Amino acid sequence: MHELADVQKYLLTGSAIFLSVTIFFCLLRAALGPRFTDRITAANIIGTKVIVLIAVMAMIIGESYLADICLIYAIISFLSVVVLARSVLEHKEEEKDSWYES
């Protein structure tokens, strides 16, 4: 039974490392993305991967309070993406209206 716990710990550690690397690549896409939609999508994916990473870390260290942090982070991540998308879309509408007026 002890061997199974070791395998689980190695698997969780490997998945945490993999998630960290993919979060880095998403950060690159968010910084270098040619379009706004690429940046918003990358920010949303980063938020999702961070939530999963926190859940994996909760399993590794055995602390249940990190599940509450995952839920709070999910709400904040969702709201931040919605607010960012809405503000940029409003800015685009203003540019479009000013273009029609001139």
PDB file of N, CA and C in Angstrom:
ATOM      1  N   MET A   1       0.819  -1.193   0.000  1.00  0.00           N
ATOM      2  CA  MET A   1       0.000   0.000   0.000  1.00  0.00           C
ATOM      3  C   MET A   1       0.866   1.262   0.000  1.00  0.00           C
ATOM      4  N   HIS A   2       2.019   1.181   0.610  1.00  0.00           N
ATOM      5  CA  HIS A   2       2.919   2.327   0.662  1.00  0.00           C
ATOM      6  C   HIS A   2       3.450   2.675  -0.727  1.00  0.00           C
ATOM      7  N   GLU A   3       3.629   1.669  -1.575  1.00  0.00           N
ATOM      8  CA  GLU A   3       4.118   1.896  -2.932  1.00  0.00           C
ATOM      9  C   GLU A   3       3.094   2.664  -3.758  1.00  0.00           C
ATOM     10  N   LEU A   4       1.818   2.399  -3.530  1.00  0.00           N
ATOM     11  CA  LEU A   4       0.766   3.099  -4.254  1.00  0.00           C
ATOM     12  C   LEU A   4       0.745   4.581  -3.890  1.00  0.00           C
ATOM     13  N   ALA A   5       0.978   4.908  -2.650  1.00  0.00           N
ATOM     14  CA  ALA A   5       1.032   6.304  -2.220  1.00  0.00           C
ATOM     15  C   ALA A   5       2.219   7.017  -2.853  1.00  0.00           C
ATOM     16  N   ASP A   6       3.340   6.320  -2.992  1.00  0.00           N
ATOM     17  CA  ASP A   6       4.503   6.916  -3.648  1.00  0.00           C
ATOM     18  C   ASP A   6       4.221   7.198  -5.122  1.00  0.00           C
ATOM     19  N   VAL A   7       3.569   6.245  -5.779  1.00  0.00           N
ATOM     20  CA  VAL A   7       3.224   6.431  -7.196  1.00  0.00           C
ATOM     21  C   VAL A   7       2.271   7.612  -7.351  1.00  0.00           C
ATOM     22  N   GLN A   8       1.310   7.723  -6.454  1.00  0.00           N
ATOM     23  CA  GLN A   8       0.365   8.831  -6.505  1.00  0.00           C
ATOM     24  C   GLN A   8       1.083  10.167  -6.317  1.00  0.00           C
ATOM     25  N   LYS A   9       2.000  10.215  -5.378  1.00  0.00           N
ATOM     26  CA  LYS A   9       2.732  11.454  -5.125  1.00  0.00           C
ATOM     27  C   LYS A   9       3.585  11.851  -6.337  1.00  0.00           C
ATOM     28  N   TYR A  10       4.252  10.862  -6.974  1.00  0.00           N
ATOM     29  CA  TYR A  10       5.052  11.156  -8.169  1.00  0.00           C
ATOM     30  C   TYR A  10       4.164  11.610  -9.327  1.00  0.00           C
ATOM     31  N   LEU A  11       3.008  10.995  -9.470  1.00  0.00           N
ATOM     32  CA  LEU A  11       2.093  11.371 -10.537  1.00  0.00           C
ATOM     33  C   LEU A  11       1.562  12.790 -10.327  1.00  0.00           C
ATOM     34  N   LEU A  12       1.192  13.118  -9.114  1.00  0.00           N
ATOM     35  CA  LEU A  12       0.705  14.464  -8.818  1.00  0.00           C
ATOM     36  C   LEU A  12       1.804  15.507  -8.988  1.00  0.00           C
ATOM     37  N   THR A  13       3.026  15.173  -8.576  1.00  0.00           N
ATOM     38  CA  THR A  13       4.140  16.105  -8.753  1.00  0.00           C
ATOM     39  C   THR A  13       4.435  16.315 -10.234  1.00  0.00           C
ATOM     40  N   GLY A  14       4.396  15.250 -11.010  1.00  0.00           N
ATOM     41  CA  GLY A  14       4.613  15.374 -12.448  1.00  0.00           C
ATOM     42  C   GLY A  14       3.538  16.206 -13.120  1.00  0.00           C
ATOM     43  N   SER A  15       2.297  16.024 -12.700  1.00  0.00           N
ATOM     44  CA  SER A  15       1.224  16.828 -13.290  1.00  0.00           C
ATOM     45  C   SER A  15       1.343  18.294 -12.881  1.00  0.00           C
ATOM     46  N   ALA A  16       1.816  18.566 -11.667  1.00  0.00           N
ATOM     47  CA  ALA A  16       2.019  19.954 -11.244  1.00  0.00           C
ATOM     48  C   ALA A  16       3.118  20.611 -12.074  1.00  0.00           C
ATOM     49  N   ILE A  17       4.179  19.884 -12.351  1.00  0.00           N
ATOM     50  CA  ILE A  17       5.260  20.421 -13.187  1.00  0.00           C
ATOM     51  C   ILE A  17       4.759  20.670 -14.604  1.00  0.00           C
ATOM     52  N   PHE A  18       3.989  19.708 -15.146  1.00  0.00           N
ATOM     53  CA  PHE A  18       3.436  19.859 -16.490  1.00  0.00           C
ATOM     54  C   PHE A  18       2.516  21.069 -16.566  1.00  0.00           C
ATOM     55  N   LEU A  19       1.658  21.246 -15.568  1.00  0.00           N
ATOM     56  CA  LEU A  19       0.765  22.402 -15.550  1.00  0.00           C
ATOM     57  C   LEU A  19       1.540  23.707 -15.466  1.00  0.00           C
ATOM     58  N   SER A  20       2.609  23.726 -14.689  1.00  0.00           N
ATOM     59  CA  SER A  20       3.422  24.936 -14.578  1.00  0.00           C
ATOM     60  C   SER A  20       4.056  25.310 -15.912  1.00  0.00           C
ATOM     61  N   VAL A  21       4.535  24.312 -16.640  1.00  0.00           N
ATOM     62  CA  VAL A  21       5.143  24.576 -17.944  1.00  0.00           C
ATOM     63  C   VAL A  21       4.093  25.082 -18.931  1.00  0.00           C
ATOM     64  N   THR A  22       2.917  24.473 -18.945  1.00  0.00           N
ATOM     65  CA  THR A  22       1.888  24.921 -19.877  1.00  0.00           C
ATOM     66  C   THR A  22       1.337  26.301 -19.508  1.00  0.00           C
ATOM     67  N   ILE A  23       1.329  26.632 -18.230  1.00  0.00           N
ATOM     68  CA  ILE A  23       0.934  27.981 -17.822  1.00  0.00           C
ATOM     69  C   ILE A  23       1.928  28.995 -18.370  1.00  0.00           C
ATOM     70  N   PHE A  24       3.206  28.656 -18.361  1.00  0.00           N
ATOM     71  CA  PHE A  24       4.221  29.545 -18.924  1.00  0.00           C
ATOM     72  C   PHE A  24       3.970  29.780 -20.412  1.00  0.00           C
ATOM     73  N   PHE A  25       3.643  28.720 -21.161  1.00  0.00           N
ATOM     74  CA  PHE A  25       3.371  28.878 -22.589  1.00  0.00           C
ATOM     75  C   PHE A  25       2.112  29.709 -22.828  1.00  0.00           C
ATOM     76  N   CYS A  26       1.130  29.571 -21.964  1.00  0.00           N
ATOM     77  CA  CYS A  26      -0.073  30.402 -22.080  1.00  0.00           C
ATOM     78  C   CYS A  26       0.239  31.861 -21.775  1.00  0.00           C
ATOM     79  N   LEU A  27       1.161  32.099 -20.841  1.00  0.00           N
ATOM     80  CA  LEU A  27       1.587  33.474 -20.574  1.00  0.00           C
ATOM     81  C   LEU A  27       2.252  34.084 -21.803  1.00  0.00           C
ATOM     82  N   LEU A  28       3.035  33.281 -22.502  1.00  0.00           N
ATOM     83  CA  LEU A  28       3.641  33.768 -23.745  1.00  0.00           C
ATOM     84  C   LEU A  28       2.572  34.115 -24.774  1.00  0.00           C
ATOM     85  N   ARG A  29       1.566  33.262 -24.892  1.00  0.00           N
ATOM     86  CA  ARG A  29       0.490  33.532 -25.848  1.00  0.00           C
ATOM     87  C   ARG A  29      -0.280  34.779 -25.444  1.00  0.00           C
ATOM     88  N   ALA A  30      -0.478  34.979 -24.159  1.00  0.00           N
ATOM     89  CA  ALA A  30      -1.191  36.176 -23.694  1.00  0.00           C
ATOM     90  C   ALA A  30      -0.384  37.434 -23.964  1.00  0.00           C
ATOM     91  N   ALA A  31       0.922  37.338 -23.863  1.00  0.00           N
ATOM     92  CA  ALA A  31       1.762  38.515 -24.094  1.00  0.00           C
ATOM     93  C   ALA A  31       1.990  38.775 -25.578  1.00  0.00           C
ATOM     94  N   LEU A  32       2.137  37.719 -26.364  1.00  0.00           N
ATOM     95  CA  LEU A  32       2.510  37.882 -27.766  1.00  0.00           C
ATOM     96  C   LEU A  32       1.363  37.657 -28.743  1.00  0.00           C
ATOM     97  N   GLY A  33       0.189  37.316 -28.236  1.00  0.00           N
ATOM     98  CA  GLY A  33      -0.928  36.978 -29.125  1.00  0.00           C
ATOM     99  C   GLY A  33      -1.232  38.110 -30.090  1.00  0.00           C
ATOM    100  N   PRO A  34      -1.418  37.786 -31.348  1.00  0.00           N
ATOM    101  CA  PRO A  34      -1.646  38.861 -32.309  1.00  0.00           C
ATOM    102  C   PRO A  34      -3.026  39.510 -32.180  1.00  0.00           C
ATOM    103  N   ARG A  35      -4.009  38.780 -31.685  1.00  0.00           N
ATOM    104  CA  ARG A  35      -5.364  39.325 -31.572  1.00  0.00           C
ATOM    105  C   ARG A  35      -5.787  39.373 -30.106  1.00  0.00           C
ATOM    106  N   PHE A  36      -6.803  40.193 -29.882  1.00  0.00           N
ATOM    107  CA  PHE A  36      -7.347  40.314 -28.527  1.00  0.00           C
ATOM    108  C   PHE A  36      -7.974  39.003 -28.064  1.00  0.00           C
ATOM    109  N   THR A  37      -8.602  38.297 -28.970  1.00  0.00           N
ATOM    110  CA  THR A  37      -9.241  37.035 -28.584  1.00  0.00           C
ATOM    111  C   THR A  37      -8.210  36.008 -28.123  1.00  0.00           C
ATOM    112  N   ASP A  38      -7.019  36.035 -28.719  1.00  0.00           N
ATOM    113  CA  ASP A  38      -5.951  35.144 -28.258  1.00  0.00           C
ATOM    114  C   ASP A  38      -5.559  35.461 -26.822  1.00  0.00           C
ATOM    115  N   ARG A  39      -5.490  36.733 -26.534  1.00  0.00           N
ATOM    116  CA  ARG A  39      -5.091  37.144 -25.181  1.00  0.00           C
ATOM    117  C   ARG A  39      -6.146  36.794 -24.138  1.00  0.00           C
ATOM    118  N   ILE A  40      -7.414  37.024 -24.471  1.00  0.00           N
ATOM    119  CA  ILE A  40      -8.494  36.702 -23.538  1.00  0.00           C
ATOM    120  C   ILE A  40      -8.573  35.194 -23.309  1.00  0.00           C
ATOM    121  N   THR A  41      -8.448  34.427 -24.391  1.00  0.00           N
ATOM    122  CA  THR A  41      -8.493  32.977 -24.264  1.00  0.00           C
ATOM    123  C   THR A  41      -7.325  32.472 -23.427  1.00  0.00           C
ATOM    124  N   ALA A  42      -6.144  33.030 -23.648  1.00  0.00           N
ATOM    125  CA  ALA A  42      -4.970  32.623 -22.868  1.00  0.00           C
ATOM    126  C   ALA A  42      -5.156  32.976 -21.388  1.00  0.00           C
ATOM    127  N   ALA A  43      -5.724  34.134 -21.115  1.00  0.00           N
ATOM    128  CA  ALA A  43      -5.959  34.516 -19.719  1.00  0.00           C
ATOM    129  C   ALA A  43      -6.965  33.575 -19.054  1.00  0.00           C
ATOM    130  N   ASN A  44      -7.976  33.181 -19.792  1.00  0.00           N
ATOM    131  CA  ASN A  44      -8.960  32.254 -19.250  1.00  0.00           C
ATOM    132  C   ASN A  44      -8.349  30.871 -19.020  1.00  0.00           C
ATOM    133  N   ILE A  45      -7.519  30.423 -19.943  1.00  0.00           N
ATOM    134  CA  ILE A  45      -6.855  29.124 -19.779  1.00  0.00           C
ATOM    135  C   ILE A  45      -5.883  29.164 -18.603  1.00  0.00           C
ATOM    136  N   ILE A  46      -5.179  30.268 -18.442  1.00  0.00           N
ATOM    137  CA  ILE A  46      -4.261  30.401 -17.305  1.00  0.00           C
ATOM    138  C   ILE A  46      -5.031  30.296 -15.991  1.00  0.00           C
ATOM    139  N   GLY A  47      -6.169  30.975 -15.925  1.00  0.00           N
ATOM    140  CA  GLY A  47      -6.982  30.895 -14.713  1.00  0.00           C
ATOM    141  C   GLY A  47      -7.434  29.477 -14.413  1.00  0.00           C
ATOM    142  N   THR A  48      -7.869  28.767 -15.439  1.00  0.00           N
ATOM    143  CA  THR A  48      -8.313  27.394 -15.255  1.00  0.00           C
ATOM    144  C   THR A  48      -7.168  26.488 -14.814  1.00  0.00           C
ATOM    145  N   LYS A  49      -6.011  26.652 -15.436  1.00  0.00           N
ATOM    146  CA  LYS A  49      -4.865  25.811 -15.082  1.00  0.00           C
ATOM    147  C   LYS A  49      -4.357  26.117 -13.676  1.00  0.00           C
ATOM    148  N   VAL A  50      -4.431  27.362 -13.253  1.00  0.00           N
ATOM    149  CA  VAL A  50      -4.013  27.696 -11.892  1.00  0.00           C
ATOM    150  C   VAL A  50      -4.965  27.055 -10.883  1.00  0.00           C
ATOM    151  N   ILE A  51      -6.247  27.023 -11.195  1.00  0.00           N
ATOM    152  CA  ILE A  51      -7.205  26.369 -10.310  1.00  0.00           C
ATOM    153  C   ILE A  51      -6.879  24.880 -10.176  1.00  0.00           C
ATOM    154  N   VAL A  52      -6.599  24.235 -11.298  1.00  0.00           N
ATOM    155  CA  VAL A  52      -6.243  22.817 -11.264  1.00  0.00           C
ATOM    156  C   VAL A  52      -4.925  22.614 -10.523  1.00  0.00           C
ATOM    157  N   LEU A  53      -3.976  23.515 -10.724  1.00  0.00           N
ATOM    158  CA  LEU A  53      -2.682  23.419 -10.039  1.00  0.00           C
ATOM    159  C   LEU A  53      -2.857  23.550  -8.522  1.00  0.00           C
ATOM    160  N   ILE A  54      -3.702  24.448  -8.089  1.00  0.00           N
ATOM    161  CA  ILE A  54      -3.959  24.581  -6.651  1.00  0.00           C
ATOM    162  C   ILE A  54      -4.613  23.308  -6.109  1.00  0.00           C
ATOM    163  N   ALA A  55      -5.531  22.721  -6.882  1.00  0.00           N
ATOM    164  CA  ALA A  55      -6.174  21.481  -6.442  1.00  0.00           C
ATOM    165  C   ALA A  55      -5.162  20.343  -6.357  1.00  0.00           C
ATOM    166  N   VAL A  56      -4.252  20.276  -7.318  1.00  0.00           N
ATOM    167  CA  VAL A  56      -3.212  19.238  -7.281  1.00  0.00           C
ATOM    168  C   VAL A  56      -2.305  19.455  -6.075  1.00  0.00           C
ATOM    169  N   MET A  57      -1.941  20.691  -5.825  1.00  0.00           N
ATOM    170  CA  MET A  57      -1.101  20.977  -4.659  1.00  0.00           C
ATOM    171  C   MET A  57      -1.825  20.628  -3.362  1.00  0.00           C
ATOM    172  N   ALA A  58      -3.143  20.820  -3.333  1.00  0.00           N
ATOM    173  CA  ALA A  58      -3.911  20.433  -2.145  1.00  0.00           C
ATOM    174  C   ALA A  58      -3.841  18.930  -1.922  1.00  0.00           C
ATOM    175  N   MET A  59      -3.862  18.170  -3.014  1.00  0.00           N
ATOM    176  CA  MET A  59      -3.743  16.710  -2.896  1.00  0.00           C
ATOM    177  C   MET A  59      -2.341  16.308  -2.444  1.00  0.00           C
ATOM    178  N   ILE A  60      -1.325  17.004  -2.942  1.00  0.00           N
ATOM    179  CA  ILE A  60       0.058  16.652  -2.597  1.00  0.00           C
ATOM    180  C   ILE A  60       0.332  16.902  -1.122  1.00  0.00           C
ATOM    181  N   ILE A  61      -0.047  18.092  -0.645  1.00  0.00           N
ATOM    182  CA  ILE A  61       0.287  18.414   0.744  1.00  0.00           C
ATOM    183  C   ILE A  61      -0.804  18.010   1.727  1.00  0.00           C
ATOM    184  N   GLY A  62      -1.995  17.622   1.214  1.00  0.00           N
ATOM    185  CA  GLY A  62      -3.046  17.108   2.085  1.00  0.00           C
ATOM    186  C   GLY A  62      -3.784  18.160   2.886  1.00  0.00           C
ATOM    187  N   GLU A  63      -3.908  19.347   2.355  1.00  0.00           N
ATOM    188  CA  GLU A  63      -4.631  20.417   3.047  1.00  0.00           C
ATOM    189  C   GLU A  63      -5.952  20.681   2.333  1.00  0.00           C
ATOM    190  N   SER A  64      -7.042  20.585   3.068  1.00  0.00           N
ATOM    191  CA  SER A  64      -8.363  20.725   2.449  1.00  0.00           C
ATOM    192  C   SER A  64      -8.789  22.183   2.263  1.00  0.00           C
ATOM    193  N   TYR A  65      -8.181  23.110   2.985  1.00  0.00           N
ATOM    194  CA  TYR A  65      -8.574  24.512   2.844  1.00  0.00           C
ATOM    195  C   TYR A  65      -8.220  25.066   1.464  1.00  0.00           C
ATOM    196  N   LEU A  66      -7.323  24.407   0.753  1.00  0.00           N
ATOM    197  CA  LEU A  66      -6.970  24.875  -0.581  1.00  0.00           C
ATOM    198  C   LEU A  66      -8.117  24.694  -1.569  1.00  0.00           C
ATOM    199  N   ALA A  67      -9.056  23.796  -1.280  1.00  0.00           N
ATOM    200  CA  ALA A  67     -10.241  23.648  -2.133  1.00  0.00           C
ATOM    201  C   ALA A  67     -11.094  24.915  -2.078  1.00  0.00           C
ATOM    202  N   ASP A  68     -11.184  25.533  -0.910  1.00  0.00           N
ATOM    203  CA  ASP A  68     -11.907  26.801  -0.796  1.00  0.00           C
ATOM    204  C   ASP A  68     -11.205  27.888  -1.593  1.00  0.00           C
ATOM    205  N   ILE A  69      -9.896  27.883  -1.561  1.00  0.00           N
ATOM    206  CA  ILE A  69      -9.135  28.863  -2.336  1.00  0.00           C
ATOM    207  C   ILE A  69      -9.364  28.650  -3.829  1.00  0.00           C
ATOM    208  N   CYS A  70      -9.476  27.394  -4.255  1.00  0.00           N
ATOM    209  CA  CYS A  70      -9.784  27.101  -5.662  1.00  0.00           C
ATOM    210  C   CYS A  70     -11.116  27.714  -6.075  1.00  0.00           C
ATOM    211  N   LEU A  71     -12.123  27.576  -5.239  1.00  0.00           N
ATOM    212  CA  LEU A  71     -13.442  28.115  -5.562  1.00  0.00           C
ATOM    213  C   LEU A  71     -13.415  29.637  -5.644  1.00  0.00           C
ATOM    214  N   ILE A  72     -12.757  30.268  -4.705  1.00  0.00           N
ATOM    215  CA  ILE A  72     -12.669  31.723  -4.715  1.00  0.00           C
ATOM    216  C   ILE A  72     -11.884  32.201  -5.925  1.00  0.00           C
ATOM    217  N   TYR A  73     -10.795  31.519  -6.247  1.00  0.00           N
ATOM    218  CA  TYR A  73      -9.995  31.891  -7.415  1.00  0.00           C
ATOM    219  C   TYR A  73     -10.786  31.698  -8.706  1.00  0.00           C
ATOM    220  N   ALA A  74     -11.632  30.667  -8.766  1.00  0.00           N
ATOM    221  CA  ALA A  74     -12.451  30.436  -9.963  1.00  0.00           C
ATOM    222  C   ALA A  74     -13.429  31.582 -10.174  1.00  0.00           C
ATOM    223  N   ILE A  75     -14.041  32.050  -9.111  1.00  0.00           N
ATOM    224  CA  ILE A  75     -14.981  33.164  -9.224  1.00  0.00           C
ATOM    225  C   ILE A  75     -14.256  34.429  -9.660  1.00  0.00           C
ATOM    226  N   ILE A  76     -13.124  34.718  -9.047  1.00  0.00           N
ATOM    227  CA  ILE A  76     -12.368  35.910  -9.402  1.00  0.00           C
ATOM    228  C   ILE A  76     -11.863  35.834 -10.836  1.00  0.00           C
ATOM    229  N   SER A  77     -11.386  34.686 -11.265  1.00  0.00           N
ATOM    230  CA  SER A  77     -10.892  34.519 -12.625  1.00  0.00           C
ATOM    231  C   SER A  77     -12.009  34.726 -13.643  1.00  0.00           C
ATOM    232  N   PHE A  78     -13.167  34.146 -13.388  1.00  0.00           N
ATOM    233  CA  PHE A  78     -14.292  34.302 -14.298  1.00  0.00           C
ATOM    234  C   PHE A  78     -14.704  35.763 -14.403  1.00  0.00           C
ATOM    235  N   LEU A  79     -14.842  36.420 -13.271  1.00  0.00           N
ATOM    236  CA  LEU A  79     -15.268  37.816 -13.284  1.00  0.00           C
ATOM    237  C   LEU A  79     -14.242  38.724 -13.956  1.00  0.00           C
ATOM    238  N   SER A  80     -12.974  38.453 -13.750  1.00  0.00           N
ATOM    239  CA  SER A  80     -11.957  39.301 -14.373  1.00  0.00           C
ATOM    240  C   SER A  80     -11.966  39.169 -15.889  1.00  0.00           C
ATOM    241  N   VAL A  81     -12.162  37.971 -16.407  1.00  0.00           N
ATOM    242  CA  VAL A  81     -12.219  37.791 -17.859  1.00  0.00           C
ATOM    243  C   VAL A  81     -13.462  38.465 -18.429  1.00  0.00           C
ATOM    244  N   VAL A  82     -14.583  38.356 -17.747  1.00  0.00           N
ATOM    245  CA  VAL A  82     -15.810  38.991 -18.225  1.00  0.00           C
ATOM    246  C   VAL A  82     -15.669  40.510 -18.227  1.00  0.00           C
ATOM    247  N   VAL A  83     -15.127  41.078 -17.170  1.00  0.00           N
ATOM    248  CA  VAL A  83     -14.962  42.528 -17.088  1.00  0.00           C
ATOM    249  C   VAL A  83     -13.969  43.012 -18.143  1.00  0.00           C
ATOM    250  N   LEU A  84     -12.886  42.311 -18.328  1.00  0.00           N
ATOM    251  CA  LEU A  84     -11.900  42.706 -19.327  1.00  0.00           C
ATOM    252  C   LEU A  84     -12.489  42.650 -20.731  1.00  0.00           C
ATOM    253  N   ALA A  85     -13.188  41.589 -21.055  1.00  0.00           N
ATOM    254  CA  ALA A  85     -13.792  41.470 -22.384  1.00  0.00           C
ATOM    255  C   ALA A  85     -14.841  42.551 -22.606  1.00  0.00           C
ATOM    256  N   ARG A  86     -15.635  42.813 -21.601  1.00  0.00           N
ATOM    257  CA  ARG A  86     -16.676  43.837 -21.744  1.00  0.00           C
ATOM    258  C   ARG A  86     -16.083  45.227 -21.942  1.00  0.00           C
ATOM    259  N   SER A  87     -15.044  45.552 -21.193  1.00  0.00           N
ATOM    260  CA  SER A  87     -14.442  46.883 -21.331  1.00  0.00           C
ATOM    261  C   SER A  87     -13.786  47.060 -22.699  1.00  0.00           C
ATOM    262  N   VAL A  88     -13.152  46.028 -23.197  1.00  0.00           N
ATOM    263  CA  VAL A  88     -12.526  46.144 -24.510  1.00  0.00           C
ATOM    264  C   VAL A  88     -13.584  46.224 -25.602  1.00  0.00           C
ATOM    265  N   LEU A  89     -14.662  45.465 -25.480  1.00  0.00           N
ATOM    266  CA  LEU A  89     -15.725  45.539 -26.474  1.00  0.00           C
ATOM    267  C   LEU A  89     -16.402  46.906 -26.476  1.00  0.00           C
ATOM    268  N   GLU A  90     -16.575  47.514 -25.319  1.00  0.00           N
ATOM    269  CA  GLU A  90     -17.134  48.866 -25.255  1.00  0.00           C
ATOM    270  C   GLU A  90     -16.193  49.861 -25.919  1.00  0.00           C
ATOM    271  N   HIS A  91     -14.896  49.672 -25.707  1.00  0.00           N
ATOM    272  CA  HIS A  91     -13.911  50.552 -26.340  1.00  0.00           C
ATOM    273  C   HIS A  91     -13.957  50.402 -27.860  1.00  0.00           C
ATOM    274  N   LYS A  92     -14.118  49.185 -28.344  1.00  0.00           N
ATOM    275  CA  LYS A  92     -14.213  48.945 -29.786  1.00  0.00           C
ATOM    276  C   LYS A  92     -15.469  49.591 -30.360  1.00  0.00           C
ATOM    277  N   GLU A  93     -16.577  49.529 -29.626  1.00  0.00           N
ATOM    278  CA  GLU A  93     -17.816  50.155 -30.088  1.00  0.00           C
ATOM    279  C   GLU A  93     -17.650  51.668 -30.175  1.00  0.00           C
ATOM    280  N   GLU A  94     -16.952  52.266 -29.218  1.00  0.00           N
ATOM    281  CA  GLU A  94     -16.713  53.707 -29.256  1.00  0.00           C
ATOM    282  C   GLU A  94     -15.854  54.079 -30.455  1.00  0.00           C
ATOM    283  N   GLU A  95     -14.844  53.275 -30.754  1.00  0.00           N
ATOM    284  CA  GLU A  95     -14.010  53.545 -31.923  1.00  0.00           C
ATOM    285  C   GLU A  95     -14.826  53.434 -33.206  1.00  0.00           C
ATOM    286  N   LYS A  96     -15.708  52.448 -33.263  1.00  0.00           N
ATOM    287  CA  LYS A  96     -16.532  52.249 -34.445  1.00  0.00           C
ATOM    288  C   LYS A  96     -17.489  53.421 -34.626  1.00  0.00           C
ATOM    289  N   ASP A  97     -18.100  53.893 -33.533  1.00  0.00           N
ATOM    290  CA  ASP A  97     -19.007  55.022 -33.613  1.00  0.00           C
ATOM    291  C   ASP A  97     -18.282  56.293 -34.026  1.00  0.00           C
ATOM    292  N   SER A  98     -17.081  56.507 -33.514  1.00  0.00           N
ATOM    293  CA  SER A  98     -16.326  57.707 -33.880  1.00  0.00           C
ATOM    294  C   SER A  98     -15.873  57.643 -35.328  1.00  0.00           C
ATOM    295  N   TRP A  99     -15.657  56.443 -35.857  1.00  0.00           N
ATOM    296  CA  TRP A  99     -15.255  56.297 -37.240  1.00  0.00           C
ATOM    297  C   TRP A  99     -16.419  56.646 -38.164  1.00  0.00           C
ATOM    298  N   TYR A 100     -17.654  56.266 -37.767  1.00  0.00           N
ATOM    299  CA  TYR A 100     -18.816  56.588 -38.571  1.00  0.00           C
ATOM    300  C   TYR A 100     -19.111  58.089 -38.574  1.00  0.00           C
ATOM    301  N   GLU A 101     -18.807  58.768 -37.478  1.00  0.00           N
ATOM    302  CA  GLU A 101     -19.088  60.199 -37.379  1.00  0.00           C
ATOM    303  C   GLU A 101     -18.145  61.035 -38.229  1.00  0.00           C
ATOM    304  N   SER A 102     -16.938  60.556 -38.473  1.00  0.00           N
ATOM    305  CA  SER A 102     -15.991  61.370 -39.240  1.00  0.00           C
ATOM    306  C   SER A 102     -16.075  61.134 -40.718  1.00  0.00           C
TER     307      SER A 102
END
